[in-house]
Amino acid sequence: MSAIDSKTQRSSLPRSERVPPHAYFVGSAVFHYLGPSFAVLLFARVPVAGVAWLRIVSAALVFALWRRPWRAFLAAARPAQATMLALGGVFAAMNYCFYRAIAELPLGTVAAIEFAGPVALALAGARSARNLAALVLTVGGVYLLMEVRFAGAQHAFAWAFANAVLFTLYILLAHAVSRSDPATSPIDRLGAAMIVAGVVISPFGFRDAAPALFDPIALGAGIAVGVSSSVIPYVFDQLAMSRLPRSTYALFVALLPATAVIIGVVVLRQMPSALDMLGVLLVAAGVAFHRPPA
């Protein structure tokens, strides 16, 4: 195919598909922890459960106004609807556990633990010596980033490991949602799942969030956290997942502990050690070395 034909073919694609899927993942990786880093600062004004409620419900309202996602839910087949409902439940539980963890542990540590589940998904899809070597590099880097110390805050580690399990379920379900119904947009299906999450989280977080509804600063910060944590990165995830194999996406998740360390430095002043920096370099090398299936 000539260069002119290739350019013509690219220009005929929808705008969202002209961007490489890896670029969407990088955007998701940045916002995945940028929003939570601001949430840590919000904990001084709103309890943990209230912050989780503000994040999910504000994101659900954005999707409701932007996409009217209930139309995609009603138009979908029963299996696709079940997947959206399950993803909504996972969103609610995962975000609650995640915030309980980062309230007491460094963001980079929680991110490294979060990677434990996706390792298995990436290993299941390695299927080549090159990709297995890439997985070894990334796991080694994440191991250095973890520096897990179980002295004190055992309950916080329990929340972190629960979040890791739920994050693995998120990858499985979100990947399924991205491909479950060709007749509707994956972003609309994501929005439907987020509205479900808002309903599920309300009994657990509304009471703690209620005072923030009358505090303009806390309310504005909560909405900003919702947009930066649950709208932008999850939309980018859907755009990447619809075009990447699940195992490749799972390996790219290794970028998250590295971005968490960097964002922890910039926003929270959580300074990394020399081992942390070596871990970041190993993770970057592993992801760069990986090649998705043809």
C-alpha atoms as a PDB file:
ATOM      1  CA  MET A   1       0.000   0.000   0.000  1.00  0.00           C
ATOM      2  CA  SER A   2       1.408   3.423  -0.955  1.00  0.00           C
ATOM      3  CA  ALA A   3       1.910   6.262   1.501  1.00  0.00           C
ATOM      4  CA  ILE A   4      -0.951   8.164  -0.182  1.00  0.00           C
ATOM      5  CA  ASP A   5      -3.302   5.185   0.172  1.00  0.00           C
ATOM      6  CA  SER A   6      -2.335   4.774   3.831  1.00  0.00           C
ATOM      7  CA  LYS A   7      -2.991   8.448   4.488  1.00  0.00           C
ATOM      8  CA  THR A   8      -6.345   8.242   2.720  1.00  0.00           C
ATOM      9  CA  GLN A   9      -7.312   5.162   4.743  1.00  0.00           C
ATOM     10  CA  ARG A  10      -6.401   6.874   8.028  1.00  0.00           C
ATOM     11  CA  SER A  11      -8.378   9.986   7.126  1.00  0.00           C
ATOM     12  CA  SER A  12     -11.475   7.862   6.472  1.00  0.00           C
ATOM     13  CA  LEU A  13     -11.396   6.448   9.990  1.00  0.00           C
ATOM     14  CA  PRO A  14     -13.351   8.053  12.858  1.00  0.00           C
ATOM     15  CA  ARG A  15     -11.281  10.692  14.608  1.00  0.00           C
ATOM     16  CA  SER A  16     -10.953   8.575  17.757  1.00  0.00           C
ATOM     17  CA  GLU A  17      -9.399   5.711  15.761  1.00  0.00           C
ATOM     18  CA  ARG A  18      -6.746   7.885  14.138  1.00  0.00           C
ATOM     19  CA  VAL A  19      -4.975   8.106  17.491  1.00  0.00           C
ATOM     20  CA  PRO A  20      -2.822   5.026  18.312  1.00  0.00           C
ATOM     21  CA  PRO A  21      -4.369   2.966  21.147  1.00  0.00           C
ATOM     22  CA  HIS A  22      -1.097   3.175  23.088  1.00  0.00           C
ATOM     23  CA  ALA A  23      -1.476   6.965  23.229  1.00  0.00           C
ATOM     24  CA  TYR A  24      -4.879   6.581  24.862  1.00  0.00           C
ATOM     25  CA  PHE A  25      -3.349   4.296  27.448  1.00  0.00           C
ATOM     26  CA  VAL A  26      -0.616   6.802  28.292  1.00  0.00           C
ATOM     27  CA  GLY A  27      -3.298   9.461  28.798  1.00  0.00           C
ATOM     28  CA  SER A  28      -5.249   7.068  31.000  1.00  0.00           C
ATOM     29  CA  ALA A  29      -2.134   6.226  33.028  1.00  0.00           C
ATOM     30  CA  VAL A  30      -1.515   9.892  33.793  1.00  0.00           C
ATOM     31  CA  PHE A  31      -5.082  10.676  34.883  1.00  0.00           C
ATOM     32  CA  HIS A  32      -5.531   7.332  36.685  1.00  0.00           C
ATOM     33  CA  TYR A  33      -3.511   8.674  39.633  1.00  0.00           C
ATOM     34  CA  LEU A  34      -3.600  12.423  39.029  1.00  0.00           C
ATOM     35  CA  GLY A  35      -7.219  12.555  40.200  1.00  0.00           C
ATOM     36  CA  PRO A  36      -6.638  10.353  43.275  1.00  0.00           C
ATOM     37  CA  SER A  37      -3.634  12.465  44.255  1.00  0.00           C
ATOM     38  CA  PHE A  38      -6.004  15.448  44.466  1.00  0.00           C
ATOM     39  CA  ALA A  39      -8.444  13.239  46.385  1.00  0.00           C
ATOM     40  CA  VAL A  40      -5.778  12.669  49.039  1.00  0.00           C
ATOM     41  CA  LEU A  41      -5.681  16.444  49.550  1.00  0.00           C
ATOM     42  CA  LEU A  42      -9.497  16.465  49.750  1.00  0.00           C
ATOM     43  CA  PHE A  43      -9.464  13.972  52.653  1.00  0.00           C
ATOM     44  CA  ALA A  44      -8.776  16.902  54.980  1.00  0.00           C
ATOM     45  CA  ARG A  45     -12.291  18.235  54.260  1.00  0.00           C
ATOM     46  CA  VAL A  46     -14.352  15.135  53.400  1.00  0.00           C
ATOM     47  CA  PRO A  47     -14.243  11.575  54.848  1.00  0.00           C
ATOM     48  CA  VAL A  48     -12.931   8.783  52.630  1.00  0.00           C
ATOM     49  CA  ALA A  49     -16.347   7.299  51.796  1.00  0.00           C
ATOM     50  CA  GLY A  50     -17.644  10.766  50.953  1.00  0.00           C
ATOM     51  CA  VAL A  51     -14.785  11.393  48.520  1.00  0.00           C
ATOM     52  CA  ALA A  52     -15.504   8.061  46.811  1.00  0.00           C
ATOM     53  CA  TRP A  53     -19.171   9.065  46.490  1.00  0.00           C
ATOM     54  CA  LEU A  54     -18.312  12.493  45.070  1.00  0.00           C
ATOM     55  CA  ARG A  55     -15.947  10.927  42.531  1.00  0.00           C
ATOM     56  CA  ILE A  56     -18.386   8.329  41.218  1.00  0.00           C
ATOM     57  CA  VAL A  57     -21.594  10.365  41.310  1.00  0.00           C
ATOM     58  CA  SER A  58     -20.031  13.431  39.672  1.00  0.00           C
ATOM     59  CA  ALA A  59     -18.651  11.178  36.906  1.00  0.00           C
ATOM     60  CA  ALA A  60     -22.079   9.551  36.505  1.00  0.00           C
ATOM     61  CA  LEU A  61     -23.706  12.981  36.141  1.00  0.00           C
ATOM     62  CA  VAL A  62     -21.141  13.994  33.501  1.00  0.00           C
ATOM     63  CA  PHE A  63     -21.876  10.842  31.492  1.00  0.00           C
ATOM     64  CA  ALA A  64     -25.635  11.347  31.931  1.00  0.00           C
ATOM     65  CA  LEU A  65     -25.532  14.905  30.573  1.00  0.00           C
ATOM     66  CA  TRP A  66     -22.950  14.163  27.891  1.00  0.00           C
ATOM     67  CA  ARG A  67     -24.001  10.780  26.471  1.00  0.00           C
ATOM     68  CA  ARG A  68     -27.498   9.828  27.727  1.00  0.00           C
ATOM     69  CA  PRO A  69     -26.078   6.317  28.307  1.00  0.00           C
ATOM     70  CA  TRP A  70     -29.360   4.697  29.375  1.00  0.00           C
ATOM     71  CA  ARG A  71     -30.285   4.572  25.702  1.00  0.00           C
ATOM     72  CA  ALA A  72     -27.303   2.314  24.979  1.00  0.00           C
ATOM     73  CA  PHE A  73     -28.176   0.157  27.992  1.00  0.00           C
ATOM     74  CA  LEU A  74     -31.795  -0.312  26.911  1.00  0.00           C
ATOM     75  CA  ALA A  75     -30.757  -1.041  23.314  1.00  0.00           C
ATOM     76  CA  ALA A  76     -28.158  -3.648  24.308  1.00  0.00           C
ATOM     77  CA  ALA A  77     -28.724  -7.392  24.478  1.00  0.00           C
ATOM     78  CA  ARG A  78     -29.159  -9.074  27.868  1.00  0.00           C
ATOM     79  CA  PRO A  79     -25.526 -10.338  28.120  1.00  0.00           C
ATOM     80  CA  ALA A  80     -24.188  -6.828  27.389  1.00  0.00           C
ATOM     81  CA  GLN A  81     -26.548  -5.346  29.983  1.00  0.00           C
ATOM     82  CA  ALA A  82     -25.342  -7.865  32.571  1.00  0.00           C
ATOM     83  CA  THR A  83     -21.736  -6.909  31.832  1.00  0.00           C
ATOM     84  CA  MET A  84     -22.519  -3.206  32.309  1.00  0.00           C
ATOM     85  CA  LEU A  85     -24.273  -3.911  35.616  1.00  0.00           C
ATOM     86  CA  ALA A  86     -21.333  -6.001  36.831  1.00  0.00           C
ATOM     87  CA  LEU A  87     -18.840  -3.308  35.805  1.00  0.00           C
ATOM     88  CA  GLY A  88     -20.870  -0.708  37.695  1.00  0.00           C
ATOM     89  CA  GLY A  89     -20.709  -2.802  40.865  1.00  0.00           C
ATOM     90  CA  VAL A  90     -16.956  -3.245  40.456  1.00  0.00           C
ATOM     91  CA  PHE A  91     -16.488   0.509  39.927  1.00  0.00           C
ATOM     92  CA  ALA A  92     -18.219   1.238  43.234  1.00  0.00           C
ATOM     93  CA  ALA A  93     -16.353  -1.375  45.288  1.00  0.00           C
ATOM     94  CA  MET A  94     -12.976  -0.726  43.627  1.00  0.00           C
ATOM     95  CA  ASN A  95     -13.026   3.030  44.190  1.00  0.00           C
ATOM     96  CA  TYR A  96     -14.133   2.647  47.798  1.00  0.00           C
ATOM     97  CA  CYS A  97     -11.317   0.156  48.550  1.00  0.00           C
ATOM     98  CA  PHE A  98      -8.790   2.280  46.655  1.00  0.00           C
ATOM     99  CA  TYR A  99      -9.544   5.404  48.656  1.00  0.00           C
ATOM    100  CA  ARG A 100      -9.465   3.503  51.941  1.00  0.00           C
ATOM    101  CA  ALA A 101      -5.972   2.320  50.974  1.00  0.00           C
ATOM    102  CA  ILE A 102      -4.472   5.628  49.775  1.00  0.00           C
ATOM    103  CA  ALA A 103      -5.769   7.390  52.873  1.00  0.00           C
ATOM    104  CA  GLU A 104      -3.004   5.591  54.825  1.00  0.00           C
ATOM    105  CA  LEU A 105      -0.456   4.297  52.302  1.00  0.00           C
ATOM    106  CA  PRO A 106       1.775   6.043  49.726  1.00  0.00           C
ATOM    107  CA  LEU A 107       0.168   6.261  46.294  1.00  0.00           C
ATOM    108  CA  GLY A 108       3.073   4.372  44.662  1.00  0.00           C
ATOM    109  CA  THR A 109       2.732   1.435  47.069  1.00  0.00           C
ATOM    110  CA  VAL A 110      -0.994   1.068  46.421  1.00  0.00           C
ATOM    111  CA  ALA A 111      -0.367   1.290  42.679  1.00  0.00           C
ATOM    112  CA  ALA A 112       2.275  -1.450  42.827  1.00  0.00           C
ATOM    113  CA  ILE A 113      -0.037  -3.764  44.760  1.00  0.00           C
ATOM    114  CA  GLU A 114      -2.776  -2.961  42.254  1.00  0.00           C
ATOM    115  CA  PHE A 115      -0.565  -4.431  39.521  1.00  0.00           C
ATOM    116  CA  ALA A 116      -0.505  -7.905  41.141  1.00  0.00           C
ATOM    117  CA  GLY A 117      -3.672  -9.136  39.400  1.00  0.00           C
ATOM    118  CA  PRO A 118      -2.911  -7.876  35.885  1.00  0.00           C
ATOM    119  CA  VAL A 119       0.414  -9.752  36.010  1.00  0.00           C
ATOM    120  CA  ALA A 120      -1.532 -13.010  35.658  1.00  0.00           C
ATOM    121  CA  LEU A 121      -3.494 -11.640  32.695  1.00  0.00           C
ATOM    122  CA  ALA A 122      -0.315 -10.478  30.992  1.00  0.00           C
ATOM    123  CA  LEU A 123       1.386 -13.828  31.637  1.00  0.00           C
ATOM    124  CA  ALA A 124      -1.574 -15.697  30.158  1.00  0.00           C
ATOM    125  CA  GLY A 125      -1.159 -13.758  26.939  1.00  0.00           C
ATOM    126  CA  ALA A 126       2.668 -13.668  26.740  1.00  0.00           C
ATOM    127  CA  ARG A 127       2.985 -16.506  24.162  1.00  0.00           C
ATOM    128  CA  SER A 128       6.440 -15.462  22.952  1.00  0.00           C
ATOM    129  CA  ALA A 129       9.944 -15.286  24.398  1.00  0.00           C
ATOM    130  CA  ARG A 130      10.104 -11.539  23.731  1.00  0.00           C
ATOM    131  CA  ASN A 131       6.866 -10.815  25.568  1.00  0.00           C
ATOM    132  CA  LEU A 132       7.800 -13.132  28.422  1.00  0.00           C
ATOM    133  CA  ALA A 133      11.068 -11.196  28.790  1.00  0.00           C
ATOM    134  CA  ALA A 134       9.061  -7.946  28.757  1.00  0.00           C
ATOM    135  CA  LEU A 135       6.860  -9.317  31.532  1.00  0.00           C
ATOM    136  CA  VAL A 136       9.929 -10.270  33.614  1.00  0.00           C
ATOM    137  CA  LEU A 137      11.281  -6.715  33.282  1.00  0.00           C
ATOM    138  CA  THR A 138       7.982  -5.124  34.301  1.00  0.00           C
ATOM    139  CA  VAL A 139       7.419  -7.473  37.249  1.00  0.00           C
ATOM    140  CA  GLY A 140      10.970  -6.779  38.446  1.00  0.00           C
ATOM    141  CA  GLY A 141      10.353  -3.058  38.219  1.00  0.00           C
ATOM    142  CA  VAL A 142       7.065  -3.267  40.097  1.00  0.00           C
ATOM    143  CA  TYR A 143       8.730  -5.415  42.790  1.00  0.00           C
ATOM    144  CA  LEU A 144      11.255  -2.632  43.383  1.00  0.00           C
ATOM    145  CA  LEU A 145       8.453  -0.065  43.459  1.00  0.00           C
ATOM    146  CA  MET A 146       6.463  -1.996  46.044  1.00  0.00           C
ATOM    147  CA  GLU A 147       8.848  -1.906  49.017  1.00  0.00           C
ATOM    148  CA  VAL A 148       5.946  -3.344  50.988  1.00  0.00           C
ATOM    149  CA  ARG A 149       6.254  -3.003  54.744  1.00  0.00           C
ATOM    150  CA  PHE A 150       3.555  -4.757  56.733  1.00  0.00           C
ATOM    151  CA  ALA A 151       4.515  -3.176  60.047  1.00  0.00           C
ATOM    152  CA  GLY A 152       1.461  -1.127  60.969  1.00  0.00           C
ATOM    153  CA  ALA A 153      -1.589  -0.222  58.886  1.00  0.00           C
ATOM    154  CA  GLN A 154      -2.377  -3.896  58.133  1.00  0.00           C
ATOM    155  CA  HIS A 155      -5.977  -2.961  57.429  1.00  0.00           C
ATOM    156  CA  ALA A 156      -4.791  -0.447  54.824  1.00  0.00           C
ATOM    157  CA  PHE A 157      -2.899  -3.222  53.032  1.00  0.00           C
ATOM    158  CA  ALA A 158      -6.060  -5.345  53.178  1.00  0.00           C
ATOM    159  CA  TRP A 159      -7.936  -2.559  51.368  1.00  0.00           C
ATOM    160  CA  ALA A 160      -5.068  -2.294  48.860  1.00  0.00           C
ATOM    161  CA  PHE A 161      -5.124  -6.012  48.040  1.00  0.00           C
ATOM    162  CA  ALA A 162      -8.931  -5.979  47.776  1.00  0.00           C
ATOM    163  CA  ASN A 163      -8.548  -3.106  45.319  1.00  0.00           C
ATOM    164  CA  ALA A 164      -6.009  -5.189  43.341  1.00  0.00           C
ATOM    165  CA  VAL A 165      -8.537  -8.025  42.944  1.00  0.00           C
ATOM    166  CA  LEU A 166     -11.248  -5.594  41.901  1.00  0.00           C
ATOM    167  CA  PHE A 167      -8.906  -3.837  39.471  1.00  0.00           C
ATOM    168  CA  THR A 168      -8.294  -7.171  37.735  1.00  0.00           C
ATOM    169  CA  LEU A 169     -12.062  -7.652  37.473  1.00  0.00           C
ATOM    170  CA  TYR A 170     -12.275  -4.122  36.073  1.00  0.00           C
ATOM    171  CA  ILE A 171      -9.855  -5.025  33.260  1.00  0.00           C
ATOM    172  CA  LEU A 172     -11.826  -8.177  32.416  1.00  0.00           C
ATOM    173  CA  LEU A 173     -15.230  -6.476  32.494  1.00  0.00           C
ATOM    174  CA  ALA A 174     -14.200  -3.181  30.893  1.00  0.00           C
ATOM    175  CA  HIS A 175     -12.516  -5.072  28.052  1.00  0.00           C
ATOM    176  CA  ALA A 176     -15.745  -7.033  27.578  1.00  0.00           C
ATOM    177  CA  VAL A 177     -17.837  -3.846  27.678  1.00  0.00           C
ATOM    178  CA  SER A 178     -15.617  -2.231  25.041  1.00  0.00           C
ATOM    179  CA  ARG A 179     -16.527  -5.015  22.583  1.00  0.00           C
ATOM    180  CA  SER A 180     -19.891  -6.266  23.828  1.00  0.00           C
ATOM    181  CA  ASP A 181     -22.299  -4.441  21.504  1.00  0.00           C
ATOM    182  CA  PRO A 182     -21.105  -3.129  18.107  1.00  0.00           C
ATOM    183  CA  ALA A 183     -24.403  -1.265  17.625  1.00  0.00           C
ATOM    184  CA  THR A 184     -23.651   1.223  20.427  1.00  0.00           C
ATOM    185  CA  SER A 185     -20.634   3.254  21.510  1.00  0.00           C
ATOM    186  CA  PRO A 186     -18.303   1.795  24.161  1.00  0.00           C
ATOM    187  CA  ILE A 187     -18.300   5.215  25.847  1.00  0.00           C
ATOM    188  CA  ASP A 188     -22.085   5.050  26.190  1.00  0.00           C
ATOM    189  CA  ARG A 189     -21.834   1.572  27.700  1.00  0.00           C
ATOM    190  CA  LEU A 190     -19.168   2.878  30.089  1.00  0.00           C
ATOM    191  CA  GLY A 191     -21.497   5.721  31.080  1.00  0.00           C
ATOM    192  CA  ALA A 192     -24.297   3.275  31.847  1.00  0.00           C
ATOM    193  CA  ALA A 193     -21.940   1.305  34.109  1.00  0.00           C
ATOM    194  CA  MET A 194     -20.916   4.509  35.905  1.00  0.00           C
ATOM    195  CA  ILE A 195     -24.553   5.385  36.636  1.00  0.00           C
ATOM    196  CA  VAL A 196     -24.979   1.915  38.129  1.00  0.00           C
ATOM    197  CA  ALA A 197     -21.874   2.584  40.253  1.00  0.00           C
ATOM    198  CA  GLY A 198     -23.408   5.831  41.509  1.00  0.00           C
ATOM    199  CA  VAL A 199     -26.491   3.949  42.698  1.00  0.00           C
ATOM    200  CA  VAL A 200     -24.407   1.220  44.378  1.00  0.00           C
ATOM    201  CA  ILE A 201     -22.045   3.609  46.220  1.00  0.00           C
ATOM    202  CA  SER A 202     -24.782   5.919  47.545  1.00  0.00           C
ATOM    203  CA  PRO A 203     -25.787   3.878  50.628  1.00  0.00           C
ATOM    204  CA  PHE A 204     -22.123   3.790  51.717  1.00  0.00           C
ATOM    205  CA  GLY A 205     -20.920   7.290  50.899  1.00  0.00           C
ATOM    206  CA  PHE A 206     -23.774   9.778  50.658  1.00  0.00           C
ATOM    207  CA  ARG A 207     -23.968  10.506  54.387  1.00  0.00           C
ATOM    208  CA  ASP A 208     -20.261  11.407  54.529  1.00  0.00           C
ATOM    209  CA  ALA A 209     -20.482  13.435  51.320  1.00  0.00           C
ATOM    210  CA  ALA A 210     -23.624  15.378  52.255  1.00  0.00           C
ATOM    211  CA  PRO A 211     -21.819  18.235  54.117  1.00  0.00           C
ATOM    212  CA  ALA A 212     -19.584  18.768  51.041  1.00  0.00           C
ATOM    213  CA  LEU A 213     -22.684  19.586  48.956  1.00  0.00           C
ATOM    214  CA  PHE A 214     -22.889  22.888  50.885  1.00  0.00           C
ATOM    215  CA  ASP A 215     -19.132  23.559  50.755  1.00  0.00           C
ATOM    216  CA  PRO A 216     -18.309  25.104  47.347  1.00  0.00           C
ATOM    217  CA  ILE A 217     -14.587  24.328  47.602  1.00  0.00           C
ATOM    218  CA  ALA A 218     -15.082  20.690  48.588  1.00  0.00           C
ATOM    219  CA  LEU A 219     -17.862  20.215  46.035  1.00  0.00           C
ATOM    220  CA  GLY A 220     -15.785  21.731  43.226  1.00  0.00           C
ATOM    221  CA  ALA A 221     -12.789  19.624  44.195  1.00  0.00           C
ATOM    222  CA  GLY A 222     -14.944  16.497  44.310  1.00  0.00           C
ATOM    223  CA  ILE A 223     -16.291  17.156  40.817  1.00  0.00           C
ATOM    224  CA  ALA A 224     -12.746  17.768  39.542  1.00  0.00           C
ATOM    225  CA  VAL A 225     -11.636  14.465  41.066  1.00  0.00           C
ATOM    226  CA  GLY A 226     -14.562  12.681  39.402  1.00  0.00           C
ATOM    227  CA  VAL A 227     -13.794  14.103  35.955  1.00  0.00           C
ATOM    228  CA  SER A 228     -10.045  13.510  36.188  1.00  0.00           C
ATOM    229  CA  SER A 229     -10.330  10.086  37.848  1.00  0.00           C
ATOM    230  CA  SER A 230     -13.437   8.444  36.424  1.00  0.00           C
ATOM    231  CA  VAL A 231     -14.333  10.204  33.175  1.00  0.00           C
ATOM    232  CA  ILE A 232     -11.101  10.940  31.318  1.00  0.00           C
ATOM    233  CA  PRO A 233      -9.093   7.782  32.178  1.00  0.00           C
ATOM    234  CA  TYR A 234     -11.996   5.351  31.774  1.00  0.00           C
ATOM    235  CA  VAL A 235     -12.975   6.869  28.421  1.00  0.00           C
ATOM    236  CA  PHE A 236      -9.351   6.532  27.301  1.00  0.00           C
ATOM    237  CA  ASP A 237      -9.369   2.933  28.578  1.00  0.00           C
ATOM    238  CA  GLN A 238     -12.401   2.101  26.444  1.00  0.00           C
ATOM    239  CA  LEU A 239     -10.807   3.640  23.350  1.00  0.00           C
ATOM    240  CA  ALA A 240      -7.622   1.631  23.989  1.00  0.00           C
ATOM    241  CA  MET A 241      -9.286  -1.648  25.013  1.00  0.00           C
ATOM    242  CA  SER A 242     -11.450  -1.750  21.907  1.00  0.00           C
ATOM    243  CA  ARG A 243      -8.268  -2.031  19.812  1.00  0.00           C
ATOM    244  CA  LEU A 244      -5.731  -3.762  22.099  1.00  0.00           C
ATOM    245  CA  PRO A 245      -5.624  -7.447  23.138  1.00  0.00           C
ATOM    246  CA  ARG A 246      -6.513  -7.886  26.798  1.00  0.00           C
ATOM    247  CA  SER A 247      -3.069  -9.314  27.661  1.00  0.00           C
ATOM    248  CA  THR A 248      -1.327  -6.331  26.058  1.00  0.00           C
ATOM    249  CA  TYR A 249      -3.482  -3.898  28.006  1.00  0.00           C
ATOM    250  CA  ALA A 250      -2.777  -5.861  31.204  1.00  0.00           C
ATOM    251  CA  LEU A 251       0.972  -5.524  30.648  1.00  0.00           C
ATOM    252  CA  PHE A 252       0.667  -1.799  29.938  1.00  0.00           C
ATOM    253  CA  VAL A 253      -0.953  -1.479  33.372  1.00  0.00           C
ATOM    254  CA  ALA A 254       2.630  -1.812  34.641  1.00  0.00           C
ATOM    255  CA  LEU A 255       3.007   1.862  33.724  1.00  0.00           C
ATOM    256  CA  LEU A 256       0.601   2.767  36.526  1.00  0.00           C
ATOM    257  CA  PRO A 257       2.983   2.249  39.475  1.00  0.00           C
ATOM    258  CA  ALA A 258       5.591   4.296  37.623  1.00  0.00           C
ATOM    259  CA  THR A 259       3.184   7.156  36.913  1.00  0.00           C
ATOM    260  CA  ALA A 260       1.929   6.943  40.508  1.00  0.00           C
ATOM    261  CA  VAL A 261       5.474   7.486  41.807  1.00  0.00           C
ATOM    262  CA  ILE A 262       5.953  10.484  39.506  1.00  0.00           C
ATOM    263  CA  ILE A 263       2.580  12.033  40.399  1.00  0.00           C
ATOM    264  CA  GLY A 264       3.231  11.325  44.082  1.00  0.00           C
ATOM    265  CA  VAL A 265       6.387  13.435  43.784  1.00  0.00           C
ATOM    266  CA  VAL A 266       4.778  16.306  41.870  1.00  0.00           C
ATOM    267  CA  VAL A 267       1.477  16.609  43.765  1.00  0.00           C
ATOM    268  CA  LEU A 268       1.990  14.976  47.174  1.00  0.00           C
ATOM    269  CA  ARG A 269       5.754  15.470  47.649  1.00  0.00           C
ATOM    270  CA  GLN A 270       6.179  11.716  48.283  1.00  0.00           C
ATOM    271  CA  MET A 271       9.854  11.513  47.249  1.00  0.00           C
ATOM    272  CA  PRO A 272      11.010   8.222  45.630  1.00  0.00           C
ATOM    273  CA  SER A 273      14.169   6.333  46.555  1.00  0.00           C
ATOM    274  CA  ALA A 274      16.902   5.183  44.158  1.00  0.00           C
ATOM    275  CA  LEU A 275      15.199   1.757  44.035  1.00  0.00           C
ATOM    276  CA  ASP A 276      11.928   3.439  43.085  1.00  0.00           C
ATOM    277  CA  MET A 277      13.612   5.167  40.155  1.00  0.00           C
ATOM    278  CA  LEU A 278      15.248   1.917  39.044  1.00  0.00           C
ATOM    279  CA  GLY A 279      11.823   0.290  39.209  1.00  0.00           C
ATOM    280  CA  VAL A 280      10.355   3.011  36.994  1.00  0.00           C
ATOM    281  CA  LEU A 281      13.113   2.429  34.407  1.00  0.00           C
ATOM    282  CA  LEU A 282      12.575  -1.360  34.413  1.00  0.00           C
ATOM    283  CA  VAL A 283       8.832  -0.926  33.950  1.00  0.00           C
ATOM    284  CA  ALA A 284       9.353   1.481  31.056  1.00  0.00           C
ATOM    285  CA  ALA A 285      11.839  -0.932  29.437  1.00  0.00           C
ATOM    286  CA  GLY A 286       9.441  -3.868  29.785  1.00  0.00           C
ATOM    287  CA  VAL A 287       6.525  -2.030  28.217  1.00  0.00           C
ATOM    288  CA  ALA A 288       8.730  -0.732  25.382  1.00  0.00           C
ATOM    289  CA  PHE A 289      10.057  -4.264  24.740  1.00  0.00           C
ATOM    290  CA  HIS A 290       6.584  -5.825  24.534  1.00  0.00           C
ATOM    291  CA  ARG A 291       5.043  -6.500  21.122  1.00  0.00           C
ATOM    292  CA  PRO A 292       1.289  -7.162  20.817  1.00  0.00           C
ATOM    293  CA  PRO A 293       0.100 -10.091  18.646  1.00  0.00           C
ATOM    294  CA  ALA A 294      -0.360  -9.345  14.969  1.00  0.00           C
END
